[in-house]
Amino acid sequence: MNALQMKEIEELEGQELTEERFQIKDQESLNWAFRKISALKTQMEETDAIAAKEIERIHLWAAEQHKPVKQSIEFFESLITQYHMQLLEENPKAKTLKTPHGKSKSTRRKPAPVAVNKDKLLEHVKEAGMSDYIKEEIRWGDFKKTLSITTADGQPVVVDALGQRVKGVEIDQGGTTFKVEV
């Protein structure tokens, strides 16, 4: 804010703004009112700039305060997960642990085919004559539904509906995931 705008605001603060004290009657009084508005808007912008700096500083402070808290939360969640894994080994039906202050849920995923090499997969689908699953690339969602996992030479392998081993697909072993809710 420049000195002229400061003077405008000081002049304003020195008198009450009522309809009786001031009225715009000519070009000069109109210009005076515009100068007052300009000075007040500048004052608001300065206040906003200071507030923005303080808000940023407070956000940085809060982020620093959150770091050790987040680490503690992760630590306790890992302890809960370890405990839940232990209970799940002892009792496979212990999929959810509940207390008045939260719960731990486990979900099991089945092994599923995963497309790791789309070029080899596309080649396989073409060679097998399964063009229904080809758009410009493989319609993986539809084709995946026709795949199954079997064992060949003691190893799990992915085969298509024709019983042929599928190149470019690996097996996602699935596993158990845990979710802690509070």
C-alpha atoms as a PDB file:
ATOM      1  CA  MET A   1       0.000   0.000   0.000  1.00  0.00           C
ATOM      2  CA  ASN A   2       1.446   3.363  -0.918  1.00  0.00           C
ATOM      3  CA  ALA A   3       1.490   6.478   1.254  1.00  0.00           C
ATOM      4  CA  LEU A   4      -1.400   8.069  -0.608  1.00  0.00           C
ATOM      5  CA  GLN A   5      -3.608   5.019  -0.017  1.00  0.00           C
ATOM      6  CA  MET A   6      -2.593   4.992   3.668  1.00  0.00           C
ATOM      7  CA  LYS A   7      -3.685   8.612   3.950  1.00  0.00           C
ATOM      8  CA  GLU A   8      -7.024   7.744   2.308  1.00  0.00           C
ATOM      9  CA  ILE A   9      -7.650   4.988   4.875  1.00  0.00           C
ATOM     10  CA  GLU A  10      -6.591   7.175   7.816  1.00  0.00           C
ATOM     11  CA  GLU A  11      -8.972   9.841   6.576  1.00  0.00           C
ATOM     12  CA  LEU A  12     -11.742   7.233   6.443  1.00  0.00           C
ATOM     13  CA  GLU A  13     -11.013   5.955   9.945  1.00  0.00           C
ATOM     14  CA  GLY A  14     -11.200   9.493  11.286  1.00  0.00           C
ATOM     15  CA  GLN A  15     -14.820   9.916  10.322  1.00  0.00           C
ATOM     16  CA  GLU A  16     -17.919   7.786  10.462  1.00  0.00           C
ATOM     17  CA  LEU A  17     -19.432   6.744   7.166  1.00  0.00           C
ATOM     18  CA  THR A  18     -23.086   7.571   7.326  1.00  0.00           C
ATOM     19  CA  GLU A  19     -25.430   8.682   4.638  1.00  0.00           C
ATOM     20  CA  GLU A  20     -25.792  12.074   6.322  1.00  0.00           C
ATOM     21  CA  ARG A  21     -22.058  12.811   6.559  1.00  0.00           C
ATOM     22  CA  PHE A  22     -21.118  11.961   2.998  1.00  0.00           C
ATOM     23  CA  GLN A  23     -22.978  11.878  -0.251  1.00  0.00           C
ATOM     24  CA  ILE A  24     -21.709  11.763  -3.789  1.00  0.00           C
ATOM     25  CA  LYS A  25     -22.909  14.954  -5.420  1.00  0.00           C
ATOM     26  CA  ASP A  26     -20.395  15.587  -8.179  1.00  0.00           C
ATOM     27  CA  GLN A  27     -17.446  14.211 -10.143  1.00  0.00           C
ATOM     28  CA  GLU A  28     -14.970  15.175  -7.421  1.00  0.00           C
ATOM     29  CA  SER A  29     -16.840  13.346  -4.637  1.00  0.00           C
ATOM     30  CA  LEU A  30     -17.295  10.343  -6.959  1.00  0.00           C
ATOM     31  CA  ASN A  31     -13.543  10.264  -7.586  1.00  0.00           C
ATOM     32  CA  TRP A  32     -12.918  10.536  -3.821  1.00  0.00           C
ATOM     33  CA  ALA A  33     -15.169   7.482  -3.198  1.00  0.00           C
ATOM     34  CA  PHE A  34     -13.324   5.501  -5.882  1.00  0.00           C
ATOM     35  CA  ARG A  35      -9.964   6.366  -4.247  1.00  0.00           C
ATOM     36  CA  LYS A  36     -11.306   5.155  -0.893  1.00  0.00           C
ATOM     37  CA  ILE A  37     -12.526   1.875  -2.443  1.00  0.00           C
ATOM     38  CA  SER A  38      -9.166   1.385  -4.172  1.00  0.00           C
ATOM     39  CA  ALA A  39      -7.266   1.952  -0.912  1.00  0.00           C
ATOM     40  CA  LEU A  40      -9.546  -0.440   0.983  1.00  0.00           C
ATOM     41  CA  LYS A  41      -9.197  -3.148  -1.680  1.00  0.00           C
ATOM     42  CA  THR A  42      -5.410  -2.797  -1.541  1.00  0.00           C
ATOM     43  CA  GLN A  43      -5.580  -3.196   2.228  1.00  0.00           C
ATOM     44  CA  MET A  44      -7.674  -6.368   1.776  1.00  0.00           C
ATOM     45  CA  GLU A  45      -5.167  -7.766  -0.751  1.00  0.00           C
ATOM     46  CA  GLU A  46      -2.296  -7.148   1.668  1.00  0.00           C
ATOM     47  CA  THR A  47      -4.215  -8.890   4.439  1.00  0.00           C
ATOM     48  CA  ASP A  48      -4.920 -11.829   2.124  1.00  0.00           C
ATOM     49  CA  ALA A  49      -1.236 -12.053   1.136  1.00  0.00           C
ATOM     50  CA  ILE A  50      -0.161 -12.138   4.779  1.00  0.00           C
ATOM     51  CA  ALA A  51      -2.834 -14.717   5.556  1.00  0.00           C
ATOM     52  CA  ALA A  52      -1.753 -16.890   2.602  1.00  0.00           C
ATOM     53  CA  LYS A  53       1.848 -16.880   3.840  1.00  0.00           C
ATOM     54  CA  GLU A  54       0.716 -17.807   7.337  1.00  0.00           C
ATOM     55  CA  ILE A  55      -1.585 -20.531   6.035  1.00  0.00           C
ATOM     56  CA  GLU A  56       1.286 -22.024   3.982  1.00  0.00           C
ATOM     57  CA  ARG A  57       3.572 -21.872   7.012  1.00  0.00           C
ATOM     58  CA  ILE A  58       0.917 -23.577   9.145  1.00  0.00           C
ATOM     59  CA  HIS A  59       0.380 -26.270   6.484  1.00  0.00           C
ATOM     60  CA  LEU A  60       4.130 -26.977   6.464  1.00  0.00           C
ATOM     61  CA  TRP A  61       4.139 -27.122  10.264  1.00  0.00           C
ATOM     62  CA  ALA A  62       1.145 -29.491  10.243  1.00  0.00           C
ATOM     63  CA  ALA A  63       2.850 -31.745   7.684  1.00  0.00           C
ATOM     64  CA  GLU A  64       5.919 -31.956   9.932  1.00  0.00           C
ATOM     65  CA  GLN A  65       3.713 -32.762  12.922  1.00  0.00           C
ATOM     66  CA  HIS A  66       1.919 -35.480  10.928  1.00  0.00           C
ATOM     67  CA  LYS A  67       5.097 -37.355   9.933  1.00  0.00           C
ATOM     68  CA  PRO A  68       5.755 -39.077  13.287  1.00  0.00           C
ATOM     69  CA  VAL A  69       2.032 -39.631  13.800  1.00  0.00           C
ATOM     70  CA  LYS A  70       1.714 -41.347  10.401  1.00  0.00           C
ATOM     71  CA  GLN A  71       4.745 -43.488  11.233  1.00  0.00           C
ATOM     72  CA  SER A  72       3.094 -44.522  14.494  1.00  0.00           C
ATOM     73  CA  ILE A  73      -0.147 -45.359  12.693  1.00  0.00           C
ATOM     74  CA  GLU A  74       1.769 -47.482  10.154  1.00  0.00           C
ATOM     75  CA  PHE A  75       3.599 -49.224  13.007  1.00  0.00           C
ATOM     76  CA  PHE A  76       0.375 -50.135  14.820  1.00  0.00           C
ATOM     77  CA  GLU A  77      -1.321 -51.182  11.568  1.00  0.00           C
ATOM     78  CA  SER A  78       1.583 -53.530  10.852  1.00  0.00           C
ATOM     79  CA  LEU A  79       1.283 -54.995  14.365  1.00  0.00           C
ATOM     80  CA  ILE A  80      -2.450 -55.507  13.837  1.00  0.00           C
ATOM     81  CA  THR A  81      -1.797 -57.141  10.458  1.00  0.00           C
ATOM     82  CA  GLN A  82       0.821 -59.485  11.948  1.00  0.00           C
ATOM     83  CA  TYR A  83      -1.556 -60.443  14.755  1.00  0.00           C
ATOM     84  CA  HIS A  84      -4.393 -60.977  12.292  1.00  0.00           C
ATOM     85  CA  MET A  85      -2.148 -63.146  10.070  1.00  0.00           C
ATOM     86  CA  GLN A  86      -1.282 -65.261  13.116  1.00  0.00           C
ATOM     87  CA  LEU A  87      -4.946 -65.688  14.056  1.00  0.00           C
ATOM     88  CA  LEU A  88      -5.838 -66.469  10.445  1.00  0.00           C
ATOM     89  CA  GLU A  89      -3.276 -69.284  10.383  1.00  0.00           C
ATOM     90  CA  GLU A  90      -4.789 -70.738  13.560  1.00  0.00           C
ATOM     91  CA  ASN A  91      -8.397 -70.183  12.494  1.00  0.00           C
ATOM     92  CA  PRO A  92      -9.044 -69.568   8.759  1.00  0.00           C
ATOM     93  CA  LYS A  93     -12.528 -68.242   9.607  1.00  0.00           C
ATOM     94  CA  ALA A  94     -11.099 -65.272  11.579  1.00  0.00           C
ATOM     95  CA  LYS A  95     -11.413 -62.980   8.568  1.00  0.00           C
ATOM     96  CA  THR A  96     -12.529 -59.935  10.552  1.00  0.00           C
ATOM     97  CA  LEU A  97     -11.359 -58.858  13.984  1.00  0.00           C
ATOM     98  CA  LYS A  98     -13.628 -56.362  15.727  1.00  0.00           C
ATOM     99  CA  THR A  99     -13.198 -54.284  18.858  1.00  0.00           C
ATOM    100  CA  PRO A 100     -15.148 -51.240  20.031  1.00  0.00           C
ATOM    101  CA  HIS A 101     -12.393 -49.039  18.559  1.00  0.00           C
ATOM    102  CA  GLY A 102     -11.870 -50.570  15.139  1.00  0.00           C
ATOM    103  CA  LYS A 103     -11.661 -53.662  13.015  1.00  0.00           C
ATOM    104  CA  SER A 104      -9.183 -55.515  10.836  1.00  0.00           C
ATOM    105  CA  LYS A 105     -10.522 -57.190   7.698  1.00  0.00           C
ATOM    106  CA  SER A 106      -8.750 -59.789   5.604  1.00  0.00           C
ATOM    107  CA  THR A 107      -9.713 -60.578   2.054  1.00  0.00           C
ATOM    108  CA  ARG A 108      -8.379 -63.472   0.033  1.00  0.00           C
ATOM    109  CA  ARG A 109      -7.781 -63.253  -3.668  1.00  0.00           C
ATOM    110  CA  LYS A 110      -7.702 -66.322  -5.866  1.00  0.00           C
ATOM    111  CA  PRO A 111      -4.759 -66.916  -8.162  1.00  0.00           C
ATOM    112  CA  ALA A 112      -5.540 -65.198 -11.451  1.00  0.00           C
ATOM    113  CA  PRO A 113      -3.875 -64.879 -14.870  1.00  0.00           C
ATOM    114  CA  VAL A 114      -1.974 -61.617 -15.425  1.00  0.00           C
ATOM    115  CA  ALA A 115      -1.050 -60.370 -18.904  1.00  0.00           C
ATOM    116  CA  VAL A 116       2.661 -59.542 -18.707  1.00  0.00           C
ATOM    117  CA  ASN A 117       3.578 -59.584 -22.398  1.00  0.00           C
ATOM    118  CA  LYS A 118       0.749 -58.340 -24.577  1.00  0.00           C
ATOM    119  CA  ASP A 119       2.616 -59.070 -27.815  1.00  0.00           C
ATOM    120  CA  LYS A 120       3.098 -62.752 -26.985  1.00  0.00           C
ATOM    121  CA  LEU A 121      -0.457 -62.944 -25.749  1.00  0.00           C
ATOM    122  CA  LEU A 122      -1.787 -61.428 -28.973  1.00  0.00           C
ATOM    123  CA  GLU A 123       0.317 -63.897 -30.967  1.00  0.00           C
ATOM    124  CA  HIS A 124      -1.107 -66.799 -28.945  1.00  0.00           C
ATOM    125  CA  VAL A 125      -4.704 -65.692 -29.404  1.00  0.00           C
ATOM    126  CA  LYS A 126      -4.165 -65.313 -33.180  1.00  0.00           C
ATOM    127  CA  GLU A 127      -2.470 -68.728 -33.477  1.00  0.00           C
ATOM    128  CA  ALA A 128      -5.284 -70.353 -31.517  1.00  0.00           C
ATOM    129  CA  GLY A 129      -7.858 -68.845 -33.884  1.00  0.00           C
ATOM    130  CA  MET A 130      -9.628 -67.012 -31.062  1.00  0.00           C
ATOM    131  CA  SER A 131     -10.090 -63.780 -33.009  1.00  0.00           C
ATOM    132  CA  ASP A 132     -13.279 -62.995 -31.077  1.00  0.00           C
ATOM    133  CA  TYR A 133     -10.993 -61.751 -28.299  1.00  0.00           C
ATOM    134  CA  ILE A 134      -9.013 -59.444 -30.550  1.00  0.00           C
ATOM    135  CA  LYS A 135      -9.926 -55.872 -31.199  1.00  0.00           C
ATOM    136  CA  GLU A 136      -6.815 -53.956 -32.169  1.00  0.00           C
ATOM    137  CA  GLU A 137      -5.398 -55.475 -29.027  1.00  0.00           C
ATOM    138  CA  ILE A 138      -6.620 -58.309 -26.868  1.00  0.00           C
ATOM    139  CA  ARG A 139      -9.877 -57.805 -25.003  1.00  0.00           C
ATOM    140  CA  TRP A 140      -8.118 -58.951 -21.858  1.00  0.00           C
ATOM    141  CA  GLY A 141     -11.148 -58.817 -19.590  1.00  0.00           C
ATOM    142  CA  ASP A 142     -13.123 -61.196 -21.816  1.00  0.00           C
ATOM    143  CA  PHE A 143     -10.190 -63.442 -22.714  1.00  0.00           C
ATOM    144  CA  LYS A 144      -9.074 -63.718 -19.098  1.00  0.00           C
ATOM    145  CA  LYS A 145     -12.441 -65.290 -18.212  1.00  0.00           C
ATOM    146  CA  THR A 146     -11.684 -68.210 -20.540  1.00  0.00           C
ATOM    147  CA  LEU A 147      -8.289 -68.935 -18.978  1.00  0.00           C
ATOM    148  CA  SER A 148      -7.676 -71.421 -16.239  1.00  0.00           C
ATOM    149  CA  ILE A 149      -4.734 -72.470 -14.112  1.00  0.00           C
ATOM    150  CA  THR A 150      -3.580 -76.088 -14.256  1.00  0.00           C
ATOM    151  CA  THR A 151      -0.437 -77.981 -13.374  1.00  0.00           C
ATOM    152  CA  ALA A 152       2.041 -79.196 -16.005  1.00  0.00           C
ATOM    153  CA  ASP A 153       5.354 -80.843 -15.067  1.00  0.00           C
ATOM    154  CA  GLY A 154       4.628 -80.007 -11.420  1.00  0.00           C
ATOM    155  CA  GLN A 155       4.347 -76.275 -12.173  1.00  0.00           C
ATOM    156  CA  PRO A 156       1.164 -74.182 -12.339  1.00  0.00           C
ATOM    157  CA  VAL A 157       0.502 -72.929 -15.878  1.00  0.00           C
ATOM    158  CA  VAL A 158      -2.184 -70.854 -17.579  1.00  0.00           C
ATOM    159  CA  VAL A 159      -4.166 -72.581 -20.332  1.00  0.00           C
ATOM    160  CA  ASP A 160      -6.861 -71.288 -22.646  1.00  0.00           C
ATOM    161  CA  ALA A 161     -10.268 -72.817 -23.374  1.00  0.00           C
ATOM    162  CA  LEU A 162      -8.631 -75.179 -25.894  1.00  0.00           C
ATOM    163  CA  GLY A 163      -6.237 -76.491 -23.248  1.00  0.00           C
ATOM    164  CA  GLN A 164      -3.205 -74.819 -24.836  1.00  0.00           C
ATOM    165  CA  ARG A 165      -0.565 -73.185 -22.676  1.00  0.00           C
ATOM    166  CA  VAL A 166      -0.838 -69.379 -22.989  1.00  0.00           C
ATOM    167  CA  LYS A 167       2.359 -67.417 -23.655  1.00  0.00           C
ATOM    168  CA  GLY A 168       2.702 -63.926 -22.199  1.00  0.00           C
ATOM    169  CA  VAL A 169       0.633 -64.612 -19.086  1.00  0.00           C
ATOM    170  CA  GLU A 170       1.892 -65.239 -15.581  1.00  0.00           C
ATOM    171  CA  ILE A 171       0.016 -66.341 -12.486  1.00  0.00           C
ATOM    172  CA  ASP A 172      -0.734 -63.814  -9.777  1.00  0.00           C
ATOM    173  CA  GLN A 173      -0.519 -65.954  -6.660  1.00  0.00           C
ATOM    174  CA  GLY A 174      -3.258 -63.976  -4.962  1.00  0.00           C
ATOM    175  CA  GLY A 175      -2.835 -63.810  -1.234  1.00  0.00           C
ATOM    176  CA  THR A 176      -4.500 -62.172   1.671  1.00  0.00           C
ATOM    177  CA  THR A 177      -4.849 -58.436   2.135  1.00  0.00           C
ATOM    178  CA  PHE A 178      -5.617 -56.736   5.419  1.00  0.00           C
ATOM    179  CA  LYS A 179      -7.475 -53.495   5.969  1.00  0.00           C
ATOM    180  CA  VAL A 180      -7.502 -51.728   9.320  1.00  0.00           C
ATOM    181  CA  GLU A 181     -10.517 -49.515   9.992  1.00  0.00           C
ATOM    182  CA  VAL A 182     -10.944 -47.209  12.958  1.00  0.00           C
END
